[in-house]
Protein backbone atom coordinates (compact mmCIF):
# COMPACT_ATOMS: atom_id res chain seq x y z
CA MET A 1 0.99 -158.99 66.87
CA LYS A 2 -1.71 -156.38 68.30
CA ASP A 3 0.39 -153.59 67.03
CA ILE A 4 1.12 -155.33 63.65
CA LEU A 5 -2.64 -155.76 63.05
CA LYS A 6 -3.35 -152.23 64.08
CA ILE A 7 -1.00 -150.71 61.64
CA GLY A 8 -2.07 -153.06 58.93
CA SER A 9 -5.69 -152.26 59.47
CA ALA A 10 -4.85 -148.69 59.40
CA PHE A 11 -2.99 -148.80 56.34
CA ILE A 12 -6.06 -150.60 54.67
CA GLY A 13 -8.17 -147.90 55.92
CA ILE A 14 -5.95 -145.09 54.68
CA ILE A 15 -6.09 -146.46 51.14
CA VAL A 16 -9.53 -147.68 51.04
CA GLY A 17 -11.61 -144.71 50.39
CA ALA A 18 -14.55 -143.79 48.47
CA ALA A 19 -13.34 -144.89 44.99
CA PHE A 20 -12.33 -148.50 46.30
CA ALA A 21 -14.97 -149.02 48.85
CA SER A 22 -17.73 -148.15 46.23
CA GLY A 23 -16.05 -150.53 43.59
CA GLN A 24 -15.83 -147.62 41.12
CA GLU A 25 -12.03 -147.69 41.24
CA ILE A 26 -11.62 -151.40 40.85
CA LEU A 27 -14.03 -151.23 37.93
CA GLN A 28 -11.95 -148.55 36.08
CA TYR A 29 -8.55 -149.86 37.02
CA PHE A 30 -9.01 -153.74 36.73
CA THR A 31 -12.33 -154.95 35.73
CA SER A 32 -12.74 -153.00 32.46
CA PHE A 33 -9.74 -155.04 31.16
CA GLY A 34 -11.51 -158.16 31.79
CA LEU A 35 -9.82 -161.27 33.33
CA ILE A 36 -6.32 -160.00 32.61
CA GLY A 37 -7.06 -157.33 35.30
CA SER A 38 -6.43 -159.85 38.10
CA ILE A 39 -2.83 -160.22 36.84
CA GLY A 40 -2.64 -156.35 37.09
CA ALA A 41 -3.95 -156.69 40.71
CA ILE A 42 -1.22 -158.93 41.71
CA ILE A 43 1.42 -156.52 40.33
CA SER A 44 -0.38 -153.60 42.50
CA THR A 45 -0.24 -155.93 45.45
CA ALA A 46 3.52 -156.55 45.26
CA ILE A 47 3.96 -152.77 45.02
CA PHE A 48 1.50 -152.23 48.06
CA ALA A 49 3.30 -154.73 50.12
CA TYR A 50 7.01 -153.39 49.69
CA CYS A 51 6.24 -149.58 49.66
CA GLY A 52 3.85 -149.92 52.58
CA MET A 53 6.21 -151.87 54.56
CA VAL A 54 8.94 -148.92 53.72
CA LEU A 55 6.53 -146.05 54.50
CA VAL A 56 5.48 -147.29 57.86
CA TRP A 57 9.03 -148.44 58.85
CA LEU A 58 10.24 -144.88 57.75
CA GLY A 59 7.75 -143.26 60.11
CA SER A 60 8.72 -145.32 63.11
CA ARG A 61 12.35 -144.97 62.48
CA THR A 62 12.10 -141.13 62.21
CA LYS A 63 9.18 -140.43 64.46
CA ALA A 64 8.18 -137.94 61.91
CA THR A 65 5.05 -135.68 62.41
CA SER A 66 4.67 -134.93 58.64
CA HIS A 67 5.96 -136.46 55.46
CA LYS A 68 8.36 -133.61 54.81
CA GLU A 69 11.28 -134.62 56.93
CA VAL A 70 11.16 -138.23 55.91
CA ILE A 71 10.66 -137.45 52.16
CA TYR A 72 13.75 -134.95 52.13
CA GLN A 73 15.87 -137.66 54.05
CA VAL A 74 15.33 -140.45 51.52
CA SER A 75 15.11 -138.39 48.27
CA GLY A 76 17.54 -135.42 48.75
CA ARG A 77 16.62 -131.77 48.48
CA LEU A 78 15.70 -131.50 44.74
CA VAL A 79 13.78 -134.74 44.30
CA GLY A 80 12.29 -134.22 47.72
CA THR A 81 10.91 -131.03 46.96
CA ILE A 82 9.23 -132.30 43.96
CA ILE A 83 7.85 -135.23 45.96
CA ASP A 84 6.64 -133.00 48.85
CA TYR A 85 4.68 -130.71 46.39
CA VAL A 86 3.15 -133.78 44.57
CA LEU A 87 2.00 -135.25 48.01
CA ILE A 88 0.50 -131.77 48.96
CA PHE A 89 -1.42 -131.60 45.67
CA THR A 90 -2.49 -135.07 45.99
CA LEU A 91 -3.63 -134.79 49.66
CA PHE A 92 -5.83 -131.69 48.91
CA GLY A 93 -7.35 -133.10 45.70
CA MET A 94 -8.10 -136.57 47.35
CA GLY A 95 -9.95 -134.65 50.01
CA ILE A 96 -12.22 -133.21 47.38
CA LEU A 97 -12.67 -136.66 45.75
CA MET A 98 -13.53 -138.52 49.32
CA ILE A 99 -16.10 -135.54 50.12
CA ALA A 100 -17.58 -136.05 46.73
CA GLY A 101 -17.82 -139.69 47.36
CA ALA A 102 -19.56 -139.29 50.47
CA GLY A 103 -22.33 -137.39 48.77
CA ALA A 104 -22.71 -139.99 45.98
CA SER A 105 -22.75 -142.82 48.59
CA LEU A 106 -25.87 -141.32 50.35
CA HIS A 107 -27.62 -140.24 47.24
CA GLN A 108 -27.50 -143.64 45.67
CA GLN A 109 -28.58 -145.67 48.89
CA PHE A 110 -30.94 -143.19 50.45
CA GLY A 111 -31.84 -140.75 47.71
CA LEU A 112 -30.36 -137.82 49.76
CA PRO A 113 -29.03 -134.60 47.86
CA TYR A 114 -25.49 -134.96 47.01
CA PHE A 115 -24.51 -131.91 49.31
CA VAL A 116 -26.02 -133.70 52.37
CA GLY A 117 -23.50 -136.48 52.59
CA SER A 118 -20.70 -134.23 51.49
CA LEU A 119 -21.63 -131.76 54.31
CA ILE A 120 -21.76 -134.54 57.07
CA MET A 121 -18.53 -135.91 55.91
CA THR A 122 -16.91 -132.25 56.20
CA LEU A 123 -18.08 -131.90 59.76
CA LEU A 124 -16.95 -135.27 60.84
CA VAL A 125 -13.69 -134.70 59.50
CA PHE A 126 -13.29 -131.44 61.18
CA VAL A 127 -14.16 -132.73 64.51
CA SER A 128 -11.90 -135.81 64.13
CA SER A 129 -8.86 -133.93 62.96
CA LEU A 130 -8.64 -132.07 66.26
CA PHE A 131 -7.66 -135.28 68.09
CA ASN A 132 -4.18 -136.24 68.63
CA THR A 133 -2.37 -138.55 66.00
CA SER A 134 -2.74 -141.82 68.12
CA ARG A 135 -6.38 -141.26 68.20
CA VAL A 136 -6.81 -140.42 64.44
CA VAL A 137 -4.98 -143.78 63.73
CA SER A 138 -7.26 -145.69 65.92
CA ILE A 139 -10.26 -144.21 64.33
CA ILE A 140 -8.86 -145.00 60.88
CA SER A 141 -8.18 -148.80 61.79
CA SER A 142 -11.55 -149.44 63.44
CA VAL A 143 -13.67 -149.46 60.34
CA SER A 144 -11.60 -151.67 58.15
CA PRO A 145 -12.76 -155.03 59.37
CA PHE A 146 -16.15 -154.49 58.89
CA LEU A 147 -15.65 -153.72 55.16
CA ILE A 148 -13.53 -156.90 54.95
CA ILE A 149 -16.35 -158.87 56.28
CA LEU A 150 -18.85 -157.54 53.82
CA ILE A 151 -16.35 -157.76 50.72
CA ILE A 152 -16.23 -161.63 51.77
CA ILE A 153 -19.88 -161.89 51.86
CA ILE A 154 -20.35 -160.10 48.41
CA SER A 155 -17.40 -162.45 46.84
CA VAL A 156 -19.12 -165.75 48.13
CA TYR A 157 -22.61 -164.52 46.87
CA THR A 158 -21.24 -163.65 43.33
CA LEU A 159 -19.67 -167.15 43.03
CA VAL A 160 -22.54 -169.02 44.17
CA THR A 161 -24.60 -166.99 41.98
CA LEU A 162 -22.51 -167.33 38.93
CA ASP A 163 -24.81 -168.38 35.87
CA SER A 164 -22.32 -167.31 32.99
CA SER A 165 -19.13 -168.46 31.60
CA PHE A 166 -15.91 -166.51 32.42
CA ALA A 167 -15.45 -166.22 28.66
CA SER A 168 -18.70 -164.45 28.01
CA LEU A 169 -18.21 -162.34 31.16
CA ASN A 170 -14.90 -161.35 29.93
CA LYS A 171 -16.47 -160.03 26.62
CA LEU A 172 -18.97 -157.92 28.57
CA ALA A 173 -16.29 -156.55 30.85
CA THR A 174 -13.90 -155.26 28.09
CA ALA A 175 -16.90 -153.94 26.30
CA VAL A 176 -17.91 -151.58 29.23
CA GLU A 177 -17.28 -148.03 28.46
CA THR A 178 -15.45 -146.40 31.27
CA PRO A 179 -14.37 -143.00 31.68
CA SER A 180 -10.92 -144.05 32.60
CA SER A 181 -7.93 -142.61 30.32
CA LEU A 182 -5.61 -145.65 31.17
CA PRO A 183 -4.27 -147.36 28.08
CA ASN A 184 -3.84 -151.06 28.96
CA TRP A 185 -4.01 -153.34 32.15
CA PHE A 186 -0.27 -152.85 32.75
CA VAL A 187 -0.06 -149.25 32.90
CA SER A 188 -3.30 -149.28 35.02
CA SER A 189 -1.77 -151.60 37.62
CA LEU A 190 1.28 -149.51 38.14
CA ASN A 191 -0.87 -146.26 37.83
CA TYR A 192 -3.09 -147.68 40.63
CA ALA A 193 -0.33 -148.45 42.97
CA CYS A 194 1.32 -145.29 42.63
CA MET A 195 -1.78 -143.38 42.91
CA ASN A 196 -2.87 -144.91 46.22
CA LEU A 197 0.49 -144.94 47.94
CA THR A 198 0.90 -141.23 46.89
CA LEU A 199 -2.47 -140.35 48.73
CA GLY A 200 -1.55 -142.71 51.65
CA ALA A 201 2.09 -141.98 52.11
CA SER A 202 1.73 -138.90 54.39
CA MET A 203 -0.43 -140.56 56.98
CA ALA A 204 1.24 -143.92 56.66
CA ILE A 205 4.42 -142.16 57.70
CA ILE A 206 2.44 -140.39 60.53
CA SER A 207 0.79 -143.54 61.62
CA GLY A 208 4.23 -145.34 61.60
CA SER A 209 5.44 -142.67 64.18
CA THR A 210 3.10 -144.21 66.73
CA ILE A 211 5.00 -147.47 66.92
CA LYS A 212 8.44 -147.63 69.05
CA ASP A 213 9.81 -150.61 67.26
CA PRO A 214 10.59 -150.10 63.39
CA LYS A 215 10.50 -153.87 62.74
CA ILE A 216 7.02 -154.15 63.96
CA ALA A 217 5.88 -151.21 62.07
CA ALA A 218 7.45 -152.71 58.95
CA PHE A 219 5.67 -155.93 59.22
CA GLY A 220 2.33 -154.05 59.98
CA GLY A 221 2.80 -152.12 56.68
CA LEU A 222 3.61 -155.42 54.87
CA ALA A 223 0.51 -157.13 56.35
CA GLY A 224 -1.72 -154.10 55.35
CA GLY A 225 -0.19 -154.04 51.65
CA LEU A 226 -0.98 -157.88 51.30
CA GLY A 227 -4.33 -157.51 53.00
CA LEU A 228 -5.18 -154.65 50.56
CA GLY A 229 -4.23 -156.97 47.45
CA ILE A 230 -6.68 -159.72 48.59
CA LEU A 231 -9.41 -157.30 48.91
CA ILE A 232 -8.54 -156.02 45.43
CA GLN A 233 -8.86 -159.38 43.97
CA LEU A 234 -11.95 -160.24 45.75
CA VAL A 235 -13.69 -156.88 44.77
CA HIS A 236 -12.51 -157.37 41.09
CA PHE A 237 -13.97 -160.88 40.66
CA ALA A 238 -17.22 -159.89 42.24
CA ILE A 239 -17.54 -156.86 40.17
CA PHE A 240 -16.57 -158.96 37.11
CA ILE A 241 -19.17 -161.79 37.70
CA LYS A 242 -21.83 -158.98 38.02
CA ILE A 243 -20.50 -156.64 35.46
CA GLU A 244 -23.74 -156.46 33.31
CA GLU A 245 -26.01 -155.27 36.46
CA VAL A 246 -23.37 -152.87 38.01
CA ALA A 247 -21.31 -151.40 35.14
CA THR A 248 -23.28 -148.13 35.04
CA LEU A 249 -23.40 -147.49 38.81
CA ASP A 250 -21.36 -145.03 40.61
CA MET A 251 -21.12 -147.57 43.54
CA PRO A 252 -21.03 -151.07 42.01
CA LEU A 253 -20.46 -152.78 45.21
CA LEU A 254 -23.45 -151.20 46.84
CA GLY A 255 -25.45 -152.37 43.75
CA ILE A 256 -24.43 -155.97 44.43
CA ILE A 257 -25.10 -156.03 48.13
CA ASN A 258 -28.44 -154.44 47.77
CA GLU A 259 -29.33 -157.49 45.47
CA ILE A 260 -28.32 -159.85 48.28
CA SER A 261 -30.36 -157.92 51.09
CA PRO A 262 -31.68 -154.24 51.37
CA ILE A 263 -30.62 -154.56 55.06
CA LEU A 264 -27.10 -155.41 54.05
CA GLY A 265 -27.20 -152.68 51.63
CA THR A 266 -27.92 -150.19 54.20
CA ILE A 267 -25.17 -151.73 56.38
CA MET A 268 -22.78 -151.61 53.45
CA SER A 269 -23.76 -147.92 52.75
CA ILE A 270 -22.84 -147.12 56.27
CA VAL A 271 -19.45 -149.01 56.10
CA ILE A 272 -18.61 -147.28 52.80
CA PHE A 273 -19.38 -143.89 54.33
CA GLY A 274 -16.95 -145.17 57.31
CA MET A 275 -14.25 -145.95 54.86
CA ILE A 276 -14.80 -142.67 52.95
CA PHE A 277 -14.52 -141.04 56.33
CA ASN A 278 -11.08 -142.96 56.95
CA THR A 279 -9.36 -141.74 53.78
CA THR A 280 -11.00 -138.34 54.12
CA VAL A 281 -9.51 -137.96 57.70
CA SER A 282 -5.97 -139.31 56.78
CA VAL A 283 -5.69 -136.90 53.63
CA VAL A 284 -6.98 -133.91 55.34
CA TYR A 285 -4.95 -134.65 58.38
CA GLY A 286 -1.84 -135.21 56.26
CA PHE A 287 -2.30 -132.29 54.49
CA VAL A 288 -2.74 -129.92 57.31
CA ALA A 289 -0.20 -131.50 59.49
CA ARG A 290 2.26 -130.58 56.53
CA LEU A 291 1.54 -127.05 56.66
CA ALA A 292 1.19 -126.56 60.43
CA GLN A 293 2.14 -128.14 63.70
CA THR A 294 -0.79 -130.34 65.12
CA GLY A 295 -2.66 -128.91 68.09
CA THR A 296 -1.76 -125.21 67.06
CA LYS A 297 -4.12 -122.38 66.24
CA LYS A 298 -2.66 -122.22 62.77
CA PHE A 299 -3.44 -125.94 62.29
CA ASN A 300 -7.14 -125.29 63.21
CA VAL A 301 -7.35 -122.20 60.97
CA ILE A 302 -5.87 -124.17 57.79
CA LEU A 303 -8.00 -127.09 58.49
CA VAL A 304 -11.19 -124.84 58.44
CA ILE A 305 -9.98 -123.39 55.12
CA ALA A 306 -8.95 -126.65 53.51
CA LEU A 307 -12.45 -128.16 54.43
CA ILE A 308 -14.48 -125.45 53.11
CA SER A 309 -12.65 -125.32 49.82
CA GLU A 310 -12.78 -129.02 49.44
CA PHE A 311 -16.41 -129.15 50.07
CA GLY A 312 -17.07 -126.28 47.45
CA LEU A 313 -14.94 -128.31 44.81
CA SER A 314 -16.58 -131.61 45.62
CA PHE A 315 -19.46 -130.62 43.43
CA ILE A 316 -17.52 -131.38 40.23
CA GLY A 317 -18.80 -134.86 40.61
CA PHE A 318 -17.45 -138.35 41.90
CA THR A 319 -17.24 -140.38 38.83
CA GLY A 320 -15.48 -137.88 36.96
CA LEU A 321 -13.08 -137.11 39.57
CA VAL A 322 -12.16 -140.79 39.65
CA SER A 323 -11.55 -140.81 36.03
CA SER A 324 -9.52 -137.80 35.69
CA PHE A 325 -7.89 -136.97 39.11
CA LEU A 326 -6.54 -140.49 40.03
CA PRO A 327 -4.67 -141.42 36.77
CA LEU A 328 -3.00 -137.89 37.13
CA VAL A 329 -1.92 -138.71 40.51
CA GLY A 330 -0.76 -142.11 39.64
CA TYR A 331 1.63 -140.65 36.92
CA LEU A 332 2.90 -138.08 39.46
CA GLY A 333 3.58 -140.63 42.09
CA VAL A 334 5.94 -142.61 40.24
CA ILE A 335 8.56 -140.59 41.54
CA LEU A 336 7.83 -141.35 45.10
CA ILE A 337 7.51 -145.07 44.49
CA VAL A 338 11.24 -144.92 43.08
CA ALA A 339 12.40 -143.10 46.07
CA LEU A 340 10.50 -145.73 48.22
CA ILE A 341 12.27 -148.49 46.66
CA ILE A 342 15.77 -147.34 46.88
CA ALA A 343 15.10 -145.71 50.32
CA PRO A 344 16.40 -148.44 52.59
CA PHE A 345 19.63 -148.86 50.59
CA ARG A 346 20.02 -145.08 50.63
CA LEU A 347 19.56 -145.00 54.34
CA LYS A 348 21.94 -147.94 54.92
CA LYS A 349 24.56 -146.20 52.69
CA ASN A 350 24.12 -142.91 54.48
CA ASN A 351 24.64 -144.63 57.88
CA SER A 352 27.68 -146.46 56.80
CA ASP A 353 29.11 -143.19 55.64
CA SER A 354 28.36 -141.69 58.96
CA GLU A 355 29.95 -144.51 60.72
CA LEU A 356 33.02 -144.09 58.56
CA ASN A 357 33.45 -140.41 59.01
CA SER A 358 33.00 -140.74 62.60
CA ASN A 359 35.85 -143.41 62.88
CA GLN A 360 38.17 -141.22 60.86
CA SER A 361 37.71 -138.26 63.15
CA LYS A 362 38.41 -140.49 66.19
CA ASP A 363 41.62 -141.62 64.35
CA LYS A 364 42.71 -137.98 63.71
CA LEU A 365 42.15 -137.11 67.38
CA ALA A 366 44.02 -140.21 68.52
């Protein structure tokens, strides 16, 4: 049970980064479509639960040190190459987004210049990425419970202070002008799941490799996917209820909790920063681990180059990156999701074929 909760928490920590913990991601992908966005969240949850289970199970089964060997195994050479490059692109781009989110978080709460939060995040990720895989997974899983508690507090507060009908709130939500390019709630829900699983796939596989029993790893991935779905719904309804007050904020959740208490707002900003750190560590570590063996000089050199590049590109801006980069990743990630859906069946067939060939060889020898 301990390992299941550890992997589940780590999976949530990998997925929940700057855009989710701030509420900006949920606002653009779900709340901007009104109440029907909750149905989209259910669809996303089902995809998260299944694919999260498969990703962590694959990591445990193969004991992979990067996503490359697993992706090629379940997808074949041609499709595997496409997915591999999509993941490399996603991991690097998401690092930029997370570092930008760190700057936006400290700017909104404390009024610090954007570059301060981004620089602090860059340095923290550099130090953390020098640890071994097990240590990185432990770091990632440790912050998630704090965010869960705060999201529950926010959700209860918004329900207790609800003073408008859902019908009127629905009109306000659908009238909100977000920079999102997604056409409707259904495409948005699919895009959201594909995008997040694409960014989390590499580290989910690596985290699964730390678990000896593939069944326990699978249950951990399943628990993480379901837990993530619950958080999506809670954040969606919290922002929906307070849509008039927070629609224009970079960090809607932070705006809501500051309304409850400035002290809780400060705590929330620290937790958001921690969740941003979680995802930044996972995407940067996954990116560099794909290009170099962990613990080597080459790994450290690529790590430094990647972080410097991502820090510089983070000045593009947080909200703009959420609206442009994330949907693109979602569309590219469809290939990965299809591969994950069929992965268990493909591996089972490959194992059956191997056993058949082995038996035929024994018959010939006999």
